[in-house]
Amino acid sequence: MGIFDFFSKKKKESLDQGLAKTKEGVFKKLSRAIVGKTTVDDEVLDNLEEVLITSDVGVETTLKIIERIEKRVAEDKYLGTSELHGILRDEISSLLEENNSDDAALGFESELPHKPYVIMVVGVNGVGKTTTIGKMAYQYKKAGKKVVLGAADTFRAAAIDQLQIWSERSGVPIVKQQMGSDPASVAYDTLESAVNTGADVVIIDTAGRLHNKVNLMNELSKIKRVMDKVVPNAPHEVMLVLDGSTGQNAFEQAKQFTAATEVTSMAVTKLDGTAKGGVVIGISDQFKIPVRYIGIGEKMEDLQVFYRNEFVDSLFG
């Protein structure tokens, strides 16, 4: 099954709409950067560097992109500014390709490598973690998979209540205990329930406290150890949820969480309300961890699988 079987016209329109603020911001800055110029010279490259950095692509990734464009300019002495959009698009596409796994393997409809497939979700409070879990549960269920949620963020009563609401909204069962319960115990019960009921997917919510990295590290390690006793090698995926609208702060959170636990995938949320969509490019490049989903709106379907070519096409199309 190819990408366009997954990626309908409606999804593409939603993506274009969700990235409209970022696209407008980048193109306005880009137009100013090349005004009055016909060739890509040092001044244009300096201006382009500023455009990318102020679009939250990040300094290291920006320098990498500029270096690649400089190489192209050196090879073709008569490169015009009219071709800059296309070159920038090509280089960002190839950069994302290097850092993301096979697109087709990511869809909700895709065959899962394990049953139950266990996803542990991490991230600080307020980034859209629980909402992302709810939308994932809904879309997995819609794709015909049996899903169970685990409310292992027992630090806040609101987190359990919020996950309960999403469980009802998406029509999937939830395993929970009282606030203050041992998160590892909740994770254990969730996996037992999933095994007994023949679930396909388990999504475990965890607490997002970053003020003490050692405690966070210990807690996540304990949850992992306990899950492994019920389902060998669980969790199969550790997903970090980041708020794209926070720009550089998202980079800092990614640093903290990748230091505290082994993150294997990322979801970047709230891209529709911000011009900071460039953060997806920088985070993918800097951490070499696949961006699995992007959040581009309020609707259930607005948590989209991150298809790199479609993303770049929406930014530069």
C-alpha atoms as a PDB file:
ATOM      1  CA  MET A   1       0.000   0.000   0.000  1.00  0.00           C
ATOM      2  CA  GLY A   2       1.481   3.326  -1.057  1.00  0.00           C
ATOM      3  CA  ILE A   3       1.490   6.674   0.691  1.00  0.00           C
ATOM      4  CA  PHE A   4      -1.448   8.059  -1.302  1.00  0.00           C
ATOM      5  CA  ASP A   5      -3.714   5.214  -0.169  1.00  0.00           C
ATOM      6  CA  PHE A   6      -3.209   6.591   3.343  1.00  0.00           C
ATOM      7  CA  PHE A   7      -3.059  10.245   2.375  1.00  0.00           C
ATOM      8  CA  SER A   8      -6.419  11.411   1.080  1.00  0.00           C
ATOM      9  CA  LYS A   9      -7.178  14.788  -0.478  1.00  0.00           C
ATOM     10  CA  LYS A  10      -9.061  15.739   2.704  1.00  0.00           C
ATOM     11  CA  LYS A  11      -6.004  14.980   4.878  1.00  0.00           C
ATOM     12  CA  LYS A  12      -3.797  17.026   2.551  1.00  0.00           C
ATOM     13  CA  GLU A  13      -6.180  19.986   2.802  1.00  0.00           C
ATOM     14  CA  SER A  14      -6.127  19.698   6.620  1.00  0.00           C
ATOM     15  CA  LEU A  15      -2.321  19.598   6.568  1.00  0.00           C
ATOM     16  CA  ASP A  16      -2.123  22.675   4.308  1.00  0.00           C
ATOM     17  CA  GLN A  17      -4.499  24.508   6.623  1.00  0.00           C
ATOM     18  CA  GLY A  18      -2.652  23.364   9.768  1.00  0.00           C
ATOM     19  CA  LEU A  19       0.705  24.571   8.455  1.00  0.00           C
ATOM     20  CA  ALA A  20      -0.648  27.808   6.918  1.00  0.00           C
ATOM     21  CA  LYS A  21       0.815  30.096   9.623  1.00  0.00           C
ATOM     22  CA  THR A  22       4.270  28.529   9.333  1.00  0.00           C
ATOM     23  CA  LYS A  23       4.158  28.656   5.532  1.00  0.00           C
ATOM     24  CA  GLU A  24       3.097  32.299   5.545  1.00  0.00           C
ATOM     25  CA  GLY A  25       5.821  33.193   8.070  1.00  0.00           C
ATOM     26  CA  VAL A  26       8.589  31.405   6.176  1.00  0.00           C
ATOM     27  CA  PHE A  27       7.583  32.754   2.766  1.00  0.00           C
ATOM     28  CA  LYS A  28       7.205  36.334   3.948  1.00  0.00           C
ATOM     29  CA  LYS A  29      10.692  36.203   5.468  1.00  0.00           C
ATOM     30  CA  LEU A  30      12.086  34.402   2.420  1.00  0.00           C
ATOM     31  CA  SER A  31      10.653  36.999   0.033  1.00  0.00           C
ATOM     32  CA  ARG A  32      12.266  39.784   2.076  1.00  0.00           C
ATOM     33  CA  ALA A  33      15.571  37.872   2.113  1.00  0.00           C
ATOM     34  CA  ILE A  34      15.850  37.766  -1.681  1.00  0.00           C
ATOM     35  CA  VAL A  35      14.185  41.036  -2.676  1.00  0.00           C
ATOM     36  CA  GLY A  36      16.164  42.773  -5.420  1.00  0.00           C
ATOM     37  CA  LYS A  37      18.510  39.790  -5.847  1.00  0.00           C
ATOM     38  CA  THR A  38      18.842  37.622  -8.947  1.00  0.00           C
ATOM     39  CA  THR A  39      21.597  35.244  -7.873  1.00  0.00           C
ATOM     40  CA  VAL A  40      22.175  33.279  -4.680  1.00  0.00           C
ATOM     41  CA  ASP A  41      25.168  35.115  -3.221  1.00  0.00           C
ATOM     42  CA  ASP A  42      26.626  35.312   0.303  1.00  0.00           C
ATOM     43  CA  GLU A  43      24.147  37.990   1.326  1.00  0.00           C
ATOM     44  CA  VAL A  44      21.175  35.861   0.235  1.00  0.00           C
ATOM     45  CA  LEU A  45      22.594  32.871   2.129  1.00  0.00           C
ATOM     46  CA  ASP A  46      23.092  34.996   5.257  1.00  0.00           C
ATOM     47  CA  ASN A  47      19.493  36.201   4.981  1.00  0.00           C
ATOM     48  CA  LEU A  48      18.276  32.644   4.410  1.00  0.00           C
ATOM     49  CA  GLU A  49      20.153  31.519   7.517  1.00  0.00           C
ATOM     50  CA  GLU A  50      18.308  34.168   9.532  1.00  0.00           C
ATOM     51  CA  VAL A  51      14.951  33.097   8.029  1.00  0.00           C
ATOM     52  CA  LEU A  52      15.464  29.464   9.067  1.00  0.00           C
ATOM     53  CA  ILE A  53      16.712  30.277  12.570  1.00  0.00           C
ATOM     54  CA  THR A  54      13.814  32.657  13.245  1.00  0.00           C
ATOM     55  CA  SER A  55      11.416  29.956  11.942  1.00  0.00           C
ATOM     56  CA  ASP A  56      12.643  27.707  14.800  1.00  0.00           C
ATOM     57  CA  VAL A  57      14.487  25.240  12.590  1.00  0.00           C
ATOM     58  CA  GLY A  58      17.375  25.513  15.081  1.00  0.00           C
ATOM     59  CA  VAL A  59      20.941  26.747  14.622  1.00  0.00           C
ATOM     60  CA  GLU A  60      22.682  23.400  13.947  1.00  0.00           C
ATOM     61  CA  THR A  61      20.093  22.210  11.435  1.00  0.00           C
ATOM     62  CA  THR A  62      20.033  25.621   9.730  1.00  0.00           C
ATOM     63  CA  LEU A  63      23.835  25.552   9.272  1.00  0.00           C
ATOM     64  CA  LYS A  64      23.544  22.058   7.803  1.00  0.00           C
ATOM     65  CA  ILE A  65      20.902  23.217   5.287  1.00  0.00           C
ATOM     66  CA  ILE A  66      22.938  26.330   4.358  1.00  0.00           C
ATOM     67  CA  GLU A  67      26.042  24.184   3.840  1.00  0.00           C
ATOM     68  CA  ARG A  68      24.128  21.924   1.450  1.00  0.00           C
ATOM     69  CA  ILE A  69      22.776  24.916  -0.484  1.00  0.00           C
ATOM     70  CA  GLU A  70      26.282  26.467  -0.667  1.00  0.00           C
ATOM     71  CA  LYS A  71      27.496  23.242  -2.247  1.00  0.00           C
ATOM     72  CA  ARG A  72      24.716  23.402  -4.840  1.00  0.00           C
ATOM     73  CA  VAL A  73      25.539  27.070  -5.561  1.00  0.00           C
ATOM     74  CA  ALA A  74      29.242  26.232  -5.987  1.00  0.00           C
ATOM     75  CA  GLU A  75      28.364  23.495  -8.490  1.00  0.00           C
ATOM     76  CA  ASP A  76      26.066  25.778 -10.496  1.00  0.00           C
ATOM     77  CA  LYS A  77      27.496  29.304 -10.696  1.00  0.00           C
ATOM     78  CA  TYR A  78      24.374  30.762 -12.342  1.00  0.00           C
ATOM     79  CA  LEU A  79      21.852  29.685  -9.754  1.00  0.00           C
ATOM     80  CA  GLY A  80      19.045  32.245  -9.483  1.00  0.00           C
ATOM     81  CA  THR A  81      16.945  33.236  -6.475  1.00  0.00           C
ATOM     82  CA  SER A  82      13.898  31.957  -8.398  1.00  0.00           C
ATOM     83  CA  GLU A  83      15.296  28.439  -7.914  1.00  0.00           C
ATOM     84  CA  LEU A  84      15.930  28.904  -4.183  1.00  0.00           C
ATOM     85  CA  HIS A  85      12.495  27.663  -3.072  1.00  0.00           C
ATOM     86  CA  GLY A  86      12.960  24.413  -4.978  1.00  0.00           C
ATOM     87  CA  ILE A  87      16.475  23.857  -3.647  1.00  0.00           C
ATOM     88  CA  LEU A  88      15.443  24.626  -0.069  1.00  0.00           C
ATOM     89  CA  ARG A  89      12.546  22.195  -0.430  1.00  0.00           C
ATOM     90  CA  ASP A  90      14.843  19.454  -1.819  1.00  0.00           C
ATOM     91  CA  GLU A  91      17.417  19.852   0.946  1.00  0.00           C
ATOM     92  CA  ILE A  92      14.836  19.834   3.762  1.00  0.00           C
ATOM     93  CA  SER A  93      13.189  16.756   2.196  1.00  0.00           C
ATOM     94  CA  SER A  94      16.468  14.860   2.037  1.00  0.00           C
ATOM     95  CA  LEU A  95      17.342  15.886   5.593  1.00  0.00           C
ATOM     96  CA  LEU A  96      14.003  14.544   6.882  1.00  0.00           C
ATOM     97  CA  GLU A  97      14.460  11.366   4.844  1.00  0.00           C
ATOM     98  CA  GLU A  98      17.767  10.695   6.613  1.00  0.00           C
ATOM     99  CA  ASN A  99      16.151  11.012  10.041  1.00  0.00           C
ATOM    100  CA  ASN A 100      12.784   9.315   9.621  1.00  0.00           C
ATOM    101  CA  SER A 101      12.037   5.657   9.135  1.00  0.00           C
ATOM    102  CA  ASP A 102       9.865   4.312   6.328  1.00  0.00           C
ATOM    103  CA  ASP A 103       6.686   6.409   5.986  1.00  0.00           C
ATOM    104  CA  ALA A 104       4.501   3.456   5.052  1.00  0.00           C
ATOM    105  CA  ALA A 105       5.327   1.641   8.292  1.00  0.00           C
ATOM    106  CA  LEU A 106       3.784   4.393  10.404  1.00  0.00           C
ATOM    107  CA  GLY A 107       0.082   4.400   9.517  1.00  0.00           C
ATOM    108  CA  PHE A 108      -2.675   3.428  11.950  1.00  0.00           C
ATOM    109  CA  GLU A 109      -3.747   0.835   9.373  1.00  0.00           C
ATOM    110  CA  SER A 110      -0.266  -0.741   9.247  1.00  0.00           C
ATOM    111  CA  GLU A 111       0.383  -4.227  10.520  1.00  0.00           C
ATOM    112  CA  LEU A 112       1.845  -4.138  14.027  1.00  0.00           C
ATOM    113  CA  PRO A 113       5.117  -5.968  14.748  1.00  0.00           C
ATOM    114  CA  HIS A 114       3.860  -7.227  18.153  1.00  0.00           C
ATOM    115  CA  LYS A 115       0.549  -8.091  19.794  1.00  0.00           C
ATOM    116  CA  PRO A 116      -0.203  -6.342  21.993  1.00  0.00           C
ATOM    117  CA  TYR A 117       1.913  -3.459  20.678  1.00  0.00           C
ATOM    118  CA  VAL A 118       2.778  -1.356  23.736  1.00  0.00           C
ATOM    119  CA  ILE A 119       3.376   2.408  23.452  1.00  0.00           C
ATOM    120  CA  MET A 120       4.555   4.322  26.518  1.00  0.00           C
ATOM    121  CA  VAL A 121       3.878   8.051  26.131  1.00  0.00           C
ATOM    122  CA  VAL A 122       6.065  10.648  27.862  1.00  0.00           C
ATOM    123  CA  GLY A 123       6.100  14.457  27.911  1.00  0.00           C
ATOM    124  CA  VAL A 124       5.545  17.376  30.270  1.00  0.00           C
ATOM    125  CA  ASN A 125       2.056  18.488  31.291  1.00  0.00           C
ATOM    126  CA  GLY A 126       0.355  20.887  28.910  1.00  0.00           C
ATOM    127  CA  VAL A 127       1.949  19.717  25.651  1.00  0.00           C
ATOM    128  CA  GLY A 128      -1.150  17.834  24.527  1.00  0.00           C
ATOM    129  CA  LYS A 129       0.014  14.406  25.717  1.00  0.00           C
ATOM    130  CA  THR A 130      -3.371  13.060  26.870  1.00  0.00           C
ATOM    131  CA  THR A 131      -5.150  14.553  23.850  1.00  0.00           C
ATOM    132  CA  THR A 132      -2.604  12.874  21.561  1.00  0.00           C
ATOM    133  CA  ILE A 133      -3.205   9.531  23.308  1.00  0.00           C
ATOM    134  CA  GLY A 134      -6.984   9.934  22.888  1.00  0.00           C
ATOM    135  CA  LYS A 135      -6.675  10.741  19.192  1.00  0.00           C
ATOM    136  CA  MET A 136      -4.264   7.830  18.641  1.00  0.00           C
ATOM    137  CA  ALA A 137      -6.699   5.473  20.392  1.00  0.00           C
ATOM    138  CA  TYR A 138      -9.585   6.705  18.234  1.00  0.00           C
ATOM    139  CA  GLN A 139      -7.651   6.283  14.978  1.00  0.00           C
ATOM    140  CA  TYR A 140      -6.270   2.845  15.869  1.00  0.00           C
ATOM    141  CA  LYS A 141      -9.817   1.742  16.732  1.00  0.00           C
ATOM    142  CA  LYS A 142     -11.152   3.228  13.494  1.00  0.00           C
ATOM    143  CA  ALA A 143      -8.503   1.172  11.654  1.00  0.00           C
ATOM    144  CA  GLY A 144     -10.006  -1.978  13.220  1.00  0.00           C
ATOM    145  CA  LYS A 145      -7.582  -2.475  16.105  1.00  0.00           C
ATOM    146  CA  LYS A 146      -8.534  -3.281  19.686  1.00  0.00           C
ATOM    147  CA  VAL A 147      -7.042  -0.650  22.021  1.00  0.00           C
ATOM    148  CA  VAL A 148      -6.555  -0.380  25.797  1.00  0.00           C
ATOM    149  CA  LEU A 149      -5.459   2.785  27.635  1.00  0.00           C
ATOM    150  CA  GLY A 150      -3.456   2.822  30.877  1.00  0.00           C
ATOM    151  CA  ALA A 151      -3.689   5.853  33.216  1.00  0.00           C
ATOM    152  CA  ALA A 152      -0.194   5.640  34.738  1.00  0.00           C
ATOM    153  CA  ASP A 153       0.060   9.410  35.266  1.00  0.00           C
ATOM    154  CA  THR A 154      -1.138   9.001  38.863  1.00  0.00           C
ATOM    155  CA  PHE A 155       0.579  12.195  40.027  1.00  0.00           C
ATOM    156  CA  ARG A 156      -2.382  14.389  39.028  1.00  0.00           C
ATOM    157  CA  ALA A 157      -6.042  13.450  39.516  1.00  0.00           C
ATOM    158  CA  ALA A 158      -6.831  15.665  36.498  1.00  0.00           C
ATOM    159  CA  ALA A 159      -4.638  13.470  34.269  1.00  0.00           C
ATOM    160  CA  ILE A 160      -6.653  10.338  35.150  1.00  0.00           C
ATOM    161  CA  ASP A 161      -9.964  12.176  34.677  1.00  0.00           C
ATOM    162  CA  GLN A 162      -8.823  13.614  31.360  1.00  0.00           C
ATOM    163  CA  LEU A 163      -7.755  10.196  30.043  1.00  0.00           C
ATOM    164  CA  GLN A 164     -11.115   8.778  31.202  1.00  0.00           C
ATOM    165  CA  ILE A 165     -12.909  11.419  29.083  1.00  0.00           C
ATOM    166  CA  TRP A 166     -10.779  10.520  26.039  1.00  0.00           C
ATOM    167  CA  SER A 167     -11.423   6.825  26.660  1.00  0.00           C
ATOM    168  CA  GLU A 168     -15.177   7.490  26.495  1.00  0.00           C
ATOM    169  CA  ARG A 169     -14.839   9.808  23.509  1.00  0.00           C
ATOM    170  CA  SER A 170     -12.780   7.318  21.506  1.00  0.00           C
ATOM    171  CA  GLY A 171     -14.766   4.303  22.714  1.00  0.00           C
ATOM    172  CA  VAL A 172     -11.840   2.298  24.115  1.00  0.00           C
ATOM    173  CA  PRO A 173     -11.438   0.797  27.620  1.00  0.00           C
ATOM    174  CA  ILE A 174      -9.194   2.332  30.269  1.00  0.00           C
ATOM    175  CA  VAL A 175      -7.344   0.771  33.203  1.00  0.00           C
ATOM    176  CA  LYS A 176      -6.878   3.139  36.144  1.00  0.00           C
ATOM    177  CA  GLN A 177      -6.339   3.327  39.897  1.00  0.00           C
ATOM    178  CA  GLN A 178      -6.596   6.108  42.470  1.00  0.00           C
ATOM    179  CA  MET A 179      -4.456   9.246  42.306  1.00  0.00           C
ATOM    180  CA  GLY A 180      -1.140   8.600  44.062  1.00  0.00           C
ATOM    181  CA  SER A 181      -1.105   4.886  43.137  1.00  0.00           C
ATOM    182  CA  ASP A 182       2.112   3.291  41.912  1.00  0.00           C
ATOM    183  CA  PRO A 183       2.333   4.055  38.145  1.00  0.00           C
ATOM    184  CA  ALA A 184       4.131   0.744  37.511  1.00  0.00           C
ATOM    185  CA  SER A 185       1.224  -1.099  39.138  1.00  0.00           C
ATOM    186  CA  VAL A 186      -1.236   0.604  36.751  1.00  0.00           C
ATOM    187  CA  ALA A 187       0.974  -0.300  33.775  1.00  0.00           C
ATOM    188  CA  TYR A 188       1.122  -3.937  34.972  1.00  0.00           C
ATOM    189  CA  ASP A 189      -2.681  -4.139  35.318  1.00  0.00           C
ATOM    190  CA  THR A 190      -3.149  -2.527  31.887  1.00  0.00           C
ATOM    191  CA  LEU A 191      -0.931  -5.058  30.137  1.00  0.00           C
ATOM    192  CA  GLU A 192      -2.552  -7.973  31.961  1.00  0.00           C
ATOM    193  CA  SER A 193      -5.959  -6.708  30.849  1.00  0.00           C
ATOM    194  CA  ALA A 194      -4.697  -6.259  27.271  1.00  0.00           C
ATOM    195  CA  VAL A 195      -3.309  -9.802  27.135  1.00  0.00           C
ATOM    196  CA  ASN A 196      -6.501 -11.300  28.644  1.00  0.00           C
ATOM    197  CA  THR A 197      -8.790  -9.441  26.238  1.00  0.00           C
ATOM    198  CA  GLY A 198      -6.645  -9.953  23.120  1.00  0.00           C
ATOM    199  CA  ALA A 199      -5.936  -6.245  22.575  1.00  0.00           C
ATOM    200  CA  ASP A 200      -3.803  -5.144  19.618  1.00  0.00           C
ATOM    201  CA  VAL A 201      -2.532  -1.831  20.990  1.00  0.00           C
ATOM    202  CA  VAL A 202      -1.799  -0.586  24.524  1.00  0.00           C
ATOM    203  CA  ILE A 203      -1.122   3.111  25.148  1.00  0.00           C
ATOM    204  CA  ILE A 204       0.276   4.017  28.579  1.00  0.00           C
ATOM    205  CA  ASP A 205       0.139   7.621  29.812  1.00  0.00           C
ATOM    206  CA  THR A 206       2.933   8.604  32.236  1.00  0.00           C
ATOM    207  CA  ALA A 207       3.639  11.609  34.480  1.00  0.00           C
ATOM    208  CA  GLY A 208       5.502  14.527  32.946  1.00  0.00           C
ATOM    209  CA  ARG A 209       7.512  15.897  35.843  1.00  0.00           C
ATOM    210  CA  LEU A 210      10.861  17.267  34.735  1.00  0.00           C
ATOM    211  CA  HIS A 211      11.953  19.175  37.828  1.00  0.00           C
ATOM    212  CA  ASN A 212      13.798  16.101  39.077  1.00  0.00           C
ATOM    213  CA  LYS A 213      15.264  14.149  36.161  1.00  0.00           C
ATOM    214  CA  VAL A 214      16.584  11.345  38.410  1.00  0.00           C
ATOM    215  CA  ASN A 215      13.111  10.645  39.817  1.00  0.00           C
ATOM    216  CA  LEU A 216      11.613  10.704  36.343  1.00  0.00           C
ATOM    217  CA  MET A 217      14.307   8.345  35.067  1.00  0.00           C
ATOM    218  CA  ASN A 218      13.734   5.924  37.955  1.00  0.00           C
ATOM    219  CA  GLU A 219       9.961   5.992  37.555  1.00  0.00           C
ATOM    220  CA  LEU A 220      10.049   5.357  33.793  1.00  0.00           C
ATOM    221  CA  SER A 221      12.646   2.586  34.248  1.00  0.00           C
ATOM    222  CA  LYS A 222      10.435   0.893  36.850  1.00  0.00           C
ATOM    223  CA  ILE A 223       7.356   1.091  34.576  1.00  0.00           C
ATOM    224  CA  LYS A 224       9.386  -0.475  31.765  1.00  0.00           C
ATOM    225  CA  ARG A 225      10.698  -3.312  33.969  1.00  0.00           C
ATOM    226  CA  VAL A 226       7.218  -4.172  35.235  1.00  0.00           C
ATOM    227  CA  MET A 227       5.692  -4.155  31.719  1.00  0.00           C
ATOM    228  CA  ASP A 228       8.434  -6.446  30.438  1.00  0.00           C
ATOM    229  CA  LYS A 229       7.279  -9.085  32.964  1.00  0.00           C
ATOM    230  CA  VAL A 230       3.822  -9.232  31.342  1.00  0.00           C
ATOM    231  CA  VAL A 231       4.735  -8.619  27.690  1.00  0.00           C
ATOM    232  CA  PRO A 232       8.383  -9.377  26.824  1.00  0.00           C
ATOM    233  CA  ASN A 233      10.289  -6.358  25.425  1.00  0.00           C
ATOM    234  CA  ALA A 234       7.453  -3.950  26.276  1.00  0.00           C
ATOM    235  CA  PRO A 235       7.243  -1.070  25.732  1.00  0.00           C
ATOM    236  CA  HIS A 236       7.850  -1.506  22.016  1.00  0.00           C
ATOM    237  CA  GLU A 237       7.763   2.248  21.521  1.00  0.00           C
ATOM    238  CA  VAL A 238       8.480   5.209  23.824  1.00  0.00           C
ATOM    239  CA  MET A 239       6.807   8.261  22.327  1.00  0.00           C
ATOM    240  CA  LEU A 240       7.721  11.789  23.397  1.00  0.00           C
ATOM    241  CA  VAL A 241       5.001  14.417  22.892  1.00  0.00           C
ATOM    242  CA  LEU A 242       6.226  17.979  22.309  1.00  0.00           C
ATOM    243  CA  ASP A 243       4.298  21.237  21.909  1.00  0.00           C
ATOM    244  CA  GLY A 244       5.421  22.696  18.558  1.00  0.00           C
ATOM    245  CA  SER A 245       4.160  26.161  19.480  1.00  0.00           C
ATOM    246  CA  THR A 246       6.873  26.492  22.151  1.00  0.00           C
ATOM    247  CA  GLY A 247       9.631  26.504  19.518  1.00  0.00           C
ATOM    248  CA  GLN A 248      13.062  26.265  21.121  1.00  0.00           C
ATOM    249  CA  ASN A 249      11.574  25.123  24.438  1.00  0.00           C
ATOM    250  CA  ALA A 250      10.504  21.922  22.657  1.00  0.00           C
ATOM    251  CA  PHE A 251      14.199  21.272  21.858  1.00  0.00           C
ATOM    252  CA  GLU A 252      15.035  21.626  25.557  1.00  0.00           C
ATOM    253  CA  GLN A 253      12.299  19.186  26.581  1.00  0.00           C
ATOM    254  CA  ALA A 254      13.505  16.712  23.953  1.00  0.00           C
ATOM    255  CA  LYS A 255      17.015  16.966  25.435  1.00  0.00           C
ATOM    256  CA  GLN A 256      15.747  16.332  28.964  1.00  0.00           C
ATOM    257  CA  PHE A 257      13.547  13.365  28.074  1.00  0.00           C
ATOM    258  CA  THR A 258      16.061  11.681  25.766  1.00  0.00           C
ATOM    259  CA  ALA A 259      18.514  11.887  28.685  1.00  0.00           C
ATOM    260  CA  ALA A 260      15.976  10.393  31.130  1.00  0.00           C
ATOM    261  CA  THR A 261      14.721   7.495  28.979  1.00  0.00           C
ATOM    262  CA  GLU A 262      15.189   5.887  25.582  1.00  0.00           C
ATOM    263  CA  VAL A 263      12.768   7.783  23.333  1.00  0.00           C
ATOM    264  CA  THR A 264      12.074   5.966  20.051  1.00  0.00           C
ATOM    265  CA  SER A 265       9.500   8.273  18.413  1.00  0.00           C
ATOM    266  CA  MET A 266       8.019  11.752  18.710  1.00  0.00           C
ATOM    267  CA  ALA A 267       4.706  13.514  18.218  1.00  0.00           C
ATOM    268  CA  VAL A 268       4.754  17.292  17.692  1.00  0.00           C
ATOM    269  CA  THR A 269       1.439  18.963  18.574  1.00  0.00           C
ATOM    270  CA  LYS A 270      -0.308  22.361  18.203  1.00  0.00           C
ATOM    271  CA  LEU A 271       1.287  23.241  14.863  1.00  0.00           C
ATOM    272  CA  ASP A 272      -1.924  24.838  13.574  1.00  0.00           C
ATOM    273  CA  GLY A 273      -1.797  27.743  16.037  1.00  0.00           C
ATOM    274  CA  THR A 274       1.797  28.772  15.416  1.00  0.00           C
ATOM    275  CA  ALA A 275       4.313  29.909  12.809  1.00  0.00           C
ATOM    276  CA  LYS A 276       6.952  27.720  14.499  1.00  0.00           C
ATOM    277  CA  GLY A 277       6.375  24.593  12.363  1.00  0.00           C
ATOM    278  CA  GLY A 278      10.065  24.632  11.421  1.00  0.00           C
ATOM    279  CA  VAL A 279      10.687  23.053  14.818  1.00  0.00           C
ATOM    280  CA  VAL A 280       9.658  19.677  13.316  1.00  0.00           C
ATOM    281  CA  ILE A 281      12.599  19.845  10.891  1.00  0.00           C
ATOM    282  CA  GLY A 282      15.111  20.783  13.618  1.00  0.00           C
ATOM    283  CA  ILE A 283      13.917  18.236  16.163  1.00  0.00           C
ATOM    284  CA  SER A 284      13.950  15.429  13.597  1.00  0.00           C
ATOM    285  CA  ASP A 285      17.486  16.356  12.547  1.00  0.00           C
ATOM    286  CA  GLN A 286      19.000  17.047  15.972  1.00  0.00           C
ATOM    287  CA  PHE A 287      17.728  13.987  17.813  1.00  0.00           C
ATOM    288  CA  LYS A 288      17.716  11.463  14.962  1.00  0.00           C
ATOM    289  CA  ILE A 289      14.403  10.165  16.328  1.00  0.00           C
ATOM    290  CA  PRO A 290      11.501   9.712  13.887  1.00  0.00           C
ATOM    291  CA  VAL A 291       8.644  12.192  14.167  1.00  0.00           C
ATOM    292  CA  ARG A 292       5.666   9.819  14.050  1.00  0.00           C
ATOM    293  CA  TYR A 293       2.689  12.185  14.360  1.00  0.00           C
ATOM    294  CA  ILE A 294       1.937  15.883  14.053  1.00  0.00           C
ATOM    295  CA  GLY A 295      -1.030  17.687  15.600  1.00  0.00           C
ATOM    296  CA  ILE A 296      -2.603  20.218  13.220  1.00  0.00           C
ATOM    297  CA  GLY A 297      -6.030  20.914  14.742  1.00  0.00           C
ATOM    298  CA  GLU A 298      -8.772  20.027  17.215  1.00  0.00           C
ATOM    299  CA  LYS A 299     -10.528  17.208  15.339  1.00  0.00           C
ATOM    300  CA  MET A 300      -9.753  13.508  15.963  1.00  0.00           C
ATOM    301  CA  GLU A 301      -8.293  13.190  12.442  1.00  0.00           C
ATOM    302  CA  ASP A 302      -6.098  16.240  13.012  1.00  0.00           C
ATOM    303  CA  LEU A 303      -3.461  14.072  14.631  1.00  0.00           C
ATOM    304  CA  GLN A 304      -1.806  13.017  11.380  1.00  0.00           C
ATOM    305  CA  VAL A 305       0.897  10.505  10.599  1.00  0.00           C
ATOM    306  CA  PHE A 306       3.994  12.530   9.686  1.00  0.00           C
ATOM    307  CA  TYR A 307       4.651  11.927   6.001  1.00  0.00           C
ATOM    308  CA  ARG A 308       7.789  13.968   5.318  1.00  0.00           C
ATOM    309  CA  ASN A 309       7.150  14.640   1.611  1.00  0.00           C
ATOM    310  CA  GLU A 310       3.589  15.796   2.256  1.00  0.00           C
ATOM    311  CA  PHE A 311       4.828  18.017   5.105  1.00  0.00           C
ATOM    312  CA  VAL A 312       7.482  19.683   2.927  1.00  0.00           C
ATOM    313  CA  ASP A 313       4.989  19.968   0.062  1.00  0.00           C
ATOM    314  CA  SER A 314       2.553  21.835   2.360  1.00  0.00           C
ATOM    315  CA  LEU A 315       5.324  24.224   3.420  1.00  0.00           C
ATOM    316  CA  PHE A 316       6.726  24.888  -0.052  1.00  0.00           C
ATOM    317  CA  GLY A 317       3.932  23.800  -2.400  1.00  0.00           C
END
